[in-house]
Amino acid sequence: RAVPKEEQHSVNLIEKNDVYGDTKHEVNVYVKVFTNSPFLVCMDLARSQEEVIDPKYLWIGPDGKNLEGRMYVNLTETGKLMVMGFKEFMSGAYTCTLSHKIIETTTQEEREMFEAYKFMVYAYREADHAYQVFVRFTTKECELAANDQFFEELKKILNNIISDLTCHIIESSYKCHSVRIPKQGLLHELFVSFQVNPFAPGWEEVCHQVPYDCEDVTNMRVQEARDRIGEFFNKQTYALKHEFQTVPTIHYVDNSFSVTHIDSCRPGFGKNDITHKNCASCCVVCDPGTYSPNNEVTCQICTKPRVKQYGARSC
């Protein structure tokens, strides 16, 4: 889409499109890892609509060197730049200087003009998803040995349901509480919680089958795992109503299944909805001077800012 002048600086995630420069401020651009950037245009929108005489373009990359002739850039003769197969280290400032002539109509006098455009280009990834599940079961009493056995058995069953998706159950725990329920008196309930996580052993092998970044595939798999587990608990309700003559000691509490979704970022990436408000849900490469060693969602600040590159995993 063509973007009005005042909106220019908020251009991001443009597919198959051009991102225009702006002489007044830098333009932020977000490029998904391993994909090609949009074309960065060494002009603003207004200038691109006019005739330009003897234009010359000089593109300088984040390392302060001329980009011409680099393997991973595509420079067109009209001064557009595309960065191909974007990696973390390619993040940073891309500046272009446009020089062109202005010729006076009456005197045919020539003047050379220079304009500088700056783009801040950041690598980003989709967040990795996992799901936190809460579910409750009625039991006879809290001090029952069967409670532990039941919990272990439940984990096995759930892991079996989703193992072919290379997903697994992690951080599982339960607590037993006595609950006073209107019209039913006092009941004992197991409050079970666990996480459905897409990184079961072997997940990397599944990833090697895709040529690009893996999180799209991982996120699809973990969503499928979440759906299967939801389906499993739905069936419990049905079974209790239709299949048992006597209700088992430990049984599912109707409609107690609930899910919340948790995001995490790969090391070297984090979320920041203040600095990157146009890519707030993305995991954006950590800025120089910050790092992310794990799958948290924030880039931490280095106390001794030795880190000069983007996407640092250690300080």
Foldseek 3Di string as FASTA:
>chain_A
DDDDPVCLQLDEDDPQDEREFDLPDAHEYEDEAQAKGHWYAFHHPVVVVDDFAPKDKFKAFQVRHTPPPDPQWDADPNGIIMGHNDDQQRFAKIKMKIKTWDADPPPRDIDIDITMGIYGYWYWHFWAKKKKKKFKKWAQDQPDPVVVVVQVVVQVVLCVQQVVLQKHKPPKDWHWDWDQDPPPGITIMIIIMIMTGLHHPPSVVVQVVDPGDRRVSSNVSNVVSVVSVVVVLVVQVVCQVPPDPDHDRIGTDPPRIDMDMDTWAAWQWAADCPVNVSQRSITIGAAQQWTAQGGHHDTHGDPPRPGHGTSHNDD
